[in-house]
Amino acid sequence: MLEEGDRGRQALDQFAKSFPALDVRTYRQSTFHDFASRELHDADVVVVHEWNSPEVVDAIILLKRKSGFAALFHDTHHRAYTSPQQISVLNVERFDGVLAFGEAIRQIYVEKFGARRAWTFHEAADTAHFFPLPSDRTDDVNWVGNWGDEERTRELKEFLIDPLSALKPNRAAVYGVRYPANAQDELRRAGIEYRGYLPNLSAPEVYSRSRITLHIPRRCYANGLSGVPTIRMFEAMACGIPLMCSPWTDTEGLFRAKDDYVCVPDGRKMLAELHNLLNDEKARQQLAANALDTIRQRHTCAHRAGQFLEICQELAK
């Protein structure tokens, strides 16, 4: 299994090969201000992701005041809800606006963090890399996701480990990181293969080898952030694999419940629906086709690029 440093190098190499036209530049935080001064002197719009350090954010805001570019804060995580103190130190009110990956997150930035403006800017599928691939279905069920640092331990037990232990499919697999030894033991006893780290751009190959994939959101996405889908849903649907989901409410109407994916209320229903779908190839094909159509009609990177240009035009007014 790859060490953490090797994983990072592998991901960077794969990214460079997949996106050769993108000019990716790295920097040291200690010299970031000088680096940013060179790179951003003629920028019109700068997007800053929420995982940047306060020092990096402060440097960009200082340059914004000098150069006059518009700065947008981009959030694709749940810390605004689960760890608001980590967002507070970034002082997002200094930005021209916030791009939030769900309406519930957008409201938090407006109401709790004083954002000047905020737009709901959902994630999407890069359909140039995430699309159905021809392959033998060697796996019955897979789950791609990290253990979650106790954020969904109970959910993984109820909706993954227990149903598959009872169902005993021919082959089930889990991909992800931060699985402690006891979690790996539980998977093994349930007859589930733990396959470790999976670079995101390798996910289409994994989806193509399985009849069904599971989506088990972290607890926060099923309660306070209900309606916020993670990118995993978009990418899995784009790959043409039937998706089954633990409790999650699509409050924003992004997908067609029951047509694009199957959502179950508890572990017993997950077991029953898995059994039904694994024995109904026509139903699996229909579910996958519906979801793929929804992605292509509404949720590709091209759709989000168009929205982003509209936001930039709004900033310029």
Protein backbone atom coordinates (compact mmCIF):
# COMPACT_ATOMS: atom_id res chain seq x y z
CA MET A 1 0.00 0.00 0.00
CA LEU A 2 1.33 3.46 -0.91
CA GLU A 3 2.72 5.74 1.79
CA GLU A 4 1.21 9.19 2.14
CA GLY A 5 4.05 10.95 0.27
CA ASP A 6 3.83 8.46 -2.58
CA ARG A 7 0.06 8.98 -2.79
CA GLY A 8 0.55 12.70 -3.22
CA ARG A 9 3.13 12.26 -5.97
CA GLN A 10 0.96 9.69 -7.71
CA ALA A 11 -2.05 12.03 -7.64
CA LEU A 12 -0.01 14.98 -8.96
CA ASP A 13 1.49 12.89 -11.76
CA GLN A 14 -1.93 11.53 -12.74
CA PHE A 15 -3.42 15.04 -12.66
CA ALA A 16 -0.67 16.41 -14.91
CA LYS A 17 -1.22 13.64 -17.45
CA SER A 18 -5.01 14.06 -17.40
CA PHE A 19 -4.96 17.87 -17.65
CA PRO A 20 -1.86 18.75 -19.69
CA ALA A 21 -3.26 22.15 -20.70
CA LEU A 22 -3.58 23.38 -17.10
CA ASP A 23 -0.67 25.46 -15.83
CA VAL A 24 -0.27 24.32 -12.22
CA ARG A 25 2.33 26.13 -10.14
CA THR A 26 3.46 25.29 -6.63
CA TYR A 27 4.85 27.58 -3.91
CA ARG A 28 6.27 27.60 -0.42
CA GLN A 29 4.09 29.27 2.17
CA SER A 30 7.07 31.16 3.57
CA THR A 31 7.51 33.00 0.26
CA PHE A 32 3.87 33.04 -0.82
CA HIS A 33 3.46 36.83 -0.80
CA ASP A 34 6.21 37.32 -3.38
CA PHE A 35 4.91 34.41 -5.44
CA ALA A 36 1.36 35.78 -5.41
CA SER A 37 2.54 39.29 -6.27
CA ARG A 38 4.07 37.95 -9.48
CA GLU A 39 1.21 35.65 -10.39
CA LEU A 40 -1.76 37.90 -9.60
CA HIS A 41 -0.59 41.33 -10.73
CA ASP A 42 -2.85 41.30 -13.82
CA ALA A 43 -5.68 39.07 -12.53
CA ASP A 44 -9.34 40.07 -12.85
CA VAL A 45 -10.82 37.42 -10.53
CA VAL A 46 -9.06 35.27 -7.94
CA VAL A 47 -10.75 32.21 -6.38
CA VAL A 48 -9.47 31.15 -2.96
CA HIS A 49 -10.44 27.76 -1.57
CA GLU A 50 -11.40 27.47 2.08
CA TRP A 51 -8.60 25.02 2.94
CA ASN A 52 -5.94 27.71 2.49
CA SER A 53 -4.16 28.92 5.61
CA PRO A 54 -5.02 32.29 7.20
CA GLU A 55 -1.59 33.54 6.12
CA VAL A 56 -2.28 32.77 2.46
CA VAL A 57 -5.74 34.34 2.68
CA ASP A 58 -4.35 37.49 4.32
CA ALA A 59 -1.70 37.84 1.61
CA ILE A 60 -4.27 37.58 -1.18
CA ILE A 61 -6.58 40.13 0.46
CA LEU A 62 -3.64 42.54 0.80
CA LEU A 63 -2.86 42.13 -2.90
CA LYS A 64 -6.55 42.56 -3.74
CA ARG A 65 -6.48 46.01 -2.11
CA LYS A 66 -3.42 46.98 -4.10
CA SER A 67 -4.30 45.45 -7.48
CA GLY A 68 -8.07 45.77 -7.48
CA PHE A 69 -8.99 42.25 -8.60
CA ALA A 70 -12.18 40.61 -7.36
CA ALA A 71 -11.68 37.81 -4.83
CA LEU A 72 -14.11 34.95 -4.30
CA PHE A 73 -14.03 32.48 -1.40
CA HIS A 74 -14.86 28.92 -2.49
CA ASP A 75 -16.23 26.40 0.02
CA THR A 76 -16.70 22.71 -0.84
CA HIS A 77 -16.67 21.29 2.68
CA HIS A 78 -18.73 21.30 5.87
CA ARG A 79 -16.54 23.25 8.30
CA ALA A 80 -18.73 26.36 8.12
CA TYR A 81 -21.33 24.20 9.89
CA THR A 82 -19.27 21.72 11.93
CA SER A 83 -16.20 23.86 12.83
CA PRO A 84 -17.22 27.51 12.35
CA GLN A 85 -14.27 28.77 14.40
CA GLN A 86 -11.91 27.49 11.70
CA ILE A 87 -13.71 29.62 9.12
CA SER A 88 -14.07 32.67 11.37
CA VAL A 89 -10.29 33.25 11.43
CA LEU A 90 -10.32 33.72 7.65
CA ASN A 91 -12.55 36.83 7.86
CA VAL A 92 -14.47 36.05 4.69
CA GLU A 93 -16.31 39.38 4.82
CA ARG A 94 -13.19 40.81 3.13
CA PHE A 95 -13.98 38.88 -0.04
CA ASP A 96 -16.26 40.13 -2.80
CA GLY A 97 -18.37 37.03 -2.43
CA VAL A 98 -18.60 33.35 -1.53
CA LEU A 99 -19.14 30.35 -3.79
CA ALA A 100 -20.83 27.76 -1.57
CA PHE A 101 -21.41 24.19 -2.72
CA GLY A 102 -24.94 24.03 -1.30
CA GLU A 103 -27.75 26.39 -0.35
CA ALA A 104 -27.49 25.53 3.36
CA ILE A 105 -23.79 26.47 3.28
CA ARG A 106 -24.55 29.69 1.40
CA GLN A 107 -27.02 30.75 4.06
CA ILE A 108 -24.45 30.16 6.80
CA TYR A 109 -21.95 32.44 5.09
CA VAL A 110 -24.52 35.21 4.77
CA GLU A 111 -26.01 34.89 8.24
CA LYS A 112 -23.00 33.86 10.35
CA PHE A 113 -19.90 35.14 8.56
CA GLY A 114 -21.13 38.40 7.07
CA ALA A 115 -20.44 37.54 3.45
CA ARG A 116 -21.08 40.50 1.15
CA ARG A 117 -22.62 38.25 -1.46
CA ALA A 118 -22.92 34.50 -1.79
CA TRP A 119 -23.91 32.14 -4.56
CA THR A 120 -24.91 28.48 -4.41
CA PHE A 121 -22.30 26.86 -6.63
CA HIS A 122 -22.77 23.10 -6.66
CA GLU A 123 -20.12 20.59 -7.50
CA ALA A 124 -20.40 18.75 -10.80
CA ALA A 125 -19.05 15.89 -12.88
CA ASP A 126 -16.07 16.30 -15.17
CA THR A 127 -17.64 14.25 -17.95
CA ALA A 128 -14.42 14.30 -19.97
CA HIS A 129 -12.98 11.94 -17.33
CA PHE A 130 -16.05 10.54 -15.56
CA PHE A 131 -18.18 8.57 -17.99
CA PRO A 132 -19.33 4.94 -18.46
CA LEU A 133 -16.49 2.58 -19.30
CA PRO A 134 -16.97 -0.90 -20.78
CA SER A 135 -15.86 -3.52 -18.28
CA ASP A 136 -16.72 -6.86 -16.77
CA ARG A 137 -18.70 -6.41 -13.56
CA THR A 138 -16.32 -8.27 -11.28
CA ASP A 139 -17.66 -6.62 -8.11
CA ASP A 140 -21.24 -6.64 -6.89
CA VAL A 141 -21.06 -3.62 -4.59
CA ASN A 142 -18.48 -0.96 -3.83
CA TRP A 143 -18.16 2.04 -1.55
CA VAL A 144 -15.67 4.83 -2.27
CA GLY A 145 -15.08 7.05 0.73
CA ASN A 146 -12.98 7.65 3.80
CA TRP A 147 -13.76 6.31 7.25
CA GLY A 148 -14.58 9.85 8.35
CA ASP A 149 -13.03 10.28 11.79
CA GLU A 150 -16.22 9.23 13.61
CA GLU A 151 -18.34 11.47 11.34
CA ARG A 152 -20.19 8.45 9.95
CA THR A 153 -18.96 5.39 11.84
CA ARG A 154 -22.50 4.47 12.90
CA GLU A 155 -23.78 4.99 9.35
CA LEU A 156 -21.08 2.79 7.81
CA LYS A 157 -21.97 0.04 10.26
CA GLU A 158 -25.71 0.26 9.55
CA PHE A 159 -25.70 0.87 5.78
CA LEU A 160 -22.52 -0.87 4.63
CA ILE A 161 -21.08 -3.47 6.96
CA ASP A 162 -24.24 -5.07 8.39
CA PRO A 163 -26.22 -5.31 5.10
CA LEU A 164 -23.28 -6.75 3.15
CA SER A 165 -22.48 -9.15 5.97
CA ALA A 166 -26.04 -10.48 5.74
CA LEU A 167 -26.24 -10.35 1.94
CA LYS A 168 -22.90 -12.05 1.29
CA PRO A 169 -22.44 -10.81 -2.30
CA ASN A 170 -19.86 -12.54 -4.48
CA ARG A 171 -17.48 -9.63 -4.09
CA ALA A 172 -17.77 -6.30 -2.26
CA ALA A 173 -15.04 -3.68 -1.95
CA VAL A 174 -14.25 -0.49 -0.06
CA TYR A 175 -11.79 2.22 -1.12
CA GLY A 176 -10.59 5.06 1.05
CA VAL A 177 -8.21 6.18 3.78
CA ARG A 178 -8.14 6.62 7.56
CA TYR A 179 -9.65 3.19 8.22
CA PRO A 180 -8.36 2.11 11.66
CA ALA A 181 -7.36 -1.49 12.28
CA ASN A 182 -10.64 -2.32 14.01
CA ALA A 183 -12.63 -0.97 11.04
CA GLN A 184 -10.58 -3.06 8.62
CA ASP A 185 -11.23 -6.09 10.82
CA GLU A 186 -14.97 -5.42 10.69
CA LEU A 187 -14.87 -5.18 6.91
CA ARG A 188 -12.94 -8.43 6.67
CA ARG A 189 -15.40 -10.28 8.92
CA ALA A 190 -18.27 -9.01 6.77
CA GLY A 191 -16.61 -10.37 3.64
CA ILE A 192 -15.73 -6.91 2.29
CA GLU A 193 -12.32 -6.29 0.71
CA TYR A 194 -10.54 -3.16 1.90
CA ARG A 195 -8.54 -1.85 -1.05
CA GLY A 196 -7.16 1.35 0.43
CA TYR A 197 -6.34 4.66 -1.22
CA LEU A 198 -7.96 5.44 -4.57
CA PRO A 199 -6.83 8.46 -6.63
CA ASN A 200 -9.98 10.28 -7.68
CA LEU A 201 -9.21 10.04 -11.39
CA SER A 202 -9.07 6.24 -11.04
CA ALA A 203 -12.63 6.10 -9.72
CA PRO A 204 -14.29 5.62 -13.16
CA GLU A 205 -12.42 2.34 -13.62
CA VAL A 206 -13.55 1.18 -10.18
CA TYR A 207 -17.18 2.15 -10.86
CA SER A 208 -17.10 0.33 -14.18
CA ARG A 209 -16.22 -2.94 -12.44
CA SER A 210 -19.16 -2.90 -10.01
CA ARG A 211 -22.90 -3.48 -10.35
CA ILE A 212 -23.84 -1.00 -7.60
CA THR A 213 -22.11 1.73 -5.64
CA LEU A 214 -23.17 3.06 -2.26
CA HIS A 215 -23.27 6.67 -1.10
CA ILE A 216 -23.14 7.13 2.67
CA PRO A 217 -22.96 10.84 3.50
CA ARG A 218 -21.34 12.12 6.65
CA ARG A 219 -23.87 12.74 9.41
CA CYS A 220 -23.89 16.52 8.90
CA TYR A 221 -25.16 16.14 5.32
CA ALA A 222 -28.17 14.21 6.56
CA ASN A 223 -29.25 16.76 9.16
CA GLY A 224 -28.06 20.38 9.39
CA LEU A 225 -26.70 20.45 5.84
CA SER A 226 -29.51 18.41 4.32
CA GLY A 227 -29.67 18.98 0.60
CA VAL A 228 -25.93 19.42 0.04
CA PRO A 229 -24.61 16.63 -2.22
CA THR A 230 -20.91 15.84 -2.29
CA ILE A 231 -19.08 15.42 -5.56
CA ARG A 232 -19.18 11.63 -5.16
CA MET A 233 -22.83 11.55 -6.22
CA PHE A 234 -22.20 13.57 -9.39
CA GLU A 235 -19.17 11.52 -10.41
CA ALA A 236 -20.73 8.12 -9.72
CA MET A 237 -23.87 9.00 -11.69
CA ALA A 238 -21.73 10.28 -14.57
CA CYS A 239 -20.01 6.88 -14.71
CA GLY A 240 -23.29 5.08 -15.31
CA ILE A 241 -23.35 3.00 -12.13
CA PRO A 242 -26.55 2.53 -10.08
CA LEU A 243 -26.31 4.46 -6.82
CA MET A 244 -27.90 3.61 -3.48
CA CYS A 245 -27.87 6.20 -0.75
CA SER A 246 -28.30 6.18 3.02
CA PRO A 247 -30.69 8.85 4.39
CA TRP A 248 -30.24 12.13 2.54
CA THR A 249 -32.85 14.68 1.42
CA ASP A 250 -32.43 16.47 -1.89
CA THR A 251 -33.99 19.74 -0.72
CA GLU A 252 -32.70 21.60 -3.79
CA GLY A 253 -34.19 19.24 -6.37
CA LEU A 254 -30.90 18.47 -8.08
CA PHE A 255 -31.80 14.88 -8.93
CA ARG A 256 -34.91 12.77 -9.38
CA ALA A 257 -35.40 10.62 -6.29
CA LYS A 258 -36.25 6.98 -7.08
CA ASP A 259 -35.47 7.61 -10.77
CA ASP A 260 -31.81 8.70 -10.52
CA TYR A 261 -30.87 6.97 -7.27
CA VAL A 262 -32.38 4.85 -4.51
CA CYS A 263 -32.45 6.32 -1.00
CA VAL A 264 -33.20 4.04 1.97
CA PRO A 265 -34.25 4.97 5.53
CA ASP A 266 -32.46 2.23 7.46
CA GLY A 267 -30.17 -0.77 7.27
CA ARG A 268 -32.98 -3.30 6.79
CA LYS A 269 -34.23 -1.44 3.75
CA MET A 270 -30.67 -1.16 2.41
CA LEU A 271 -30.34 -4.94 2.62
CA ALA A 272 -33.67 -5.48 0.86
CA GLU A 273 -32.98 -2.96 -1.93
CA LEU A 274 -29.48 -4.29 -2.52
CA HIS A 275 -30.90 -7.79 -2.87
CA ASN A 276 -33.55 -6.56 -5.31
CA LEU A 277 -31.19 -4.52 -7.48
CA LEU A 278 -28.47 -7.15 -7.66
CA ASN A 279 -31.07 -9.55 -9.03
CA ASP A 280 -32.66 -7.11 -11.50
CA GLU A 281 -30.30 -6.10 -14.28
CA LYS A 282 -33.00 -4.17 -16.13
CA ALA A 283 -33.71 -2.03 -13.06
CA ARG A 284 -29.99 -1.35 -12.62
CA GLN A 285 -29.65 -0.28 -16.24
CA GLN A 286 -32.67 2.02 -16.02
CA LEU A 287 -31.48 3.65 -12.80
CA ALA A 288 -28.02 4.26 -14.24
CA ALA A 289 -29.41 5.64 -17.52
CA ASN A 290 -31.72 8.05 -15.69
CA ALA A 291 -28.91 9.38 -13.51
CA LEU A 292 -26.52 9.75 -16.43
CA ASP A 293 -29.12 11.76 -18.33
CA THR A 294 -29.64 14.10 -15.36
CA ILE A 295 -25.90 14.70 -15.05
CA ARG A 296 -25.48 15.45 -18.74
CA GLN A 297 -28.48 17.76 -18.78
CA ARG A 298 -27.72 19.73 -15.60
CA HIS A 299 -24.55 18.89 -13.71
CA THR A 300 -21.42 18.90 -15.85
CA CYS A 301 -18.38 21.13 -15.36
CA ALA A 302 -19.52 23.00 -18.47
CA HIS A 303 -22.74 23.94 -16.68
CA ARG A 304 -20.78 25.26 -13.70
CA ALA A 305 -18.34 27.13 -15.94
CA GLY A 306 -21.27 28.95 -17.50
CA GLN A 307 -22.60 29.85 -14.06
CA PHE A 308 -19.16 31.05 -12.99
CA LEU A 309 -18.92 33.40 -15.96
CA GLU A 310 -22.33 34.82 -15.06
CA ILE A 311 -21.10 35.44 -11.50
CA CYS A 312 -17.98 37.20 -12.83
CA GLN A 313 -20.17 39.43 -14.99
CA GLU A 314 -22.30 40.22 -11.96
CA LEU A 315 -19.17 41.19 -10.01
CA ALA A 316 -18.13 43.57 -12.79
CA LYS A 317 -21.35 45.61 -12.59
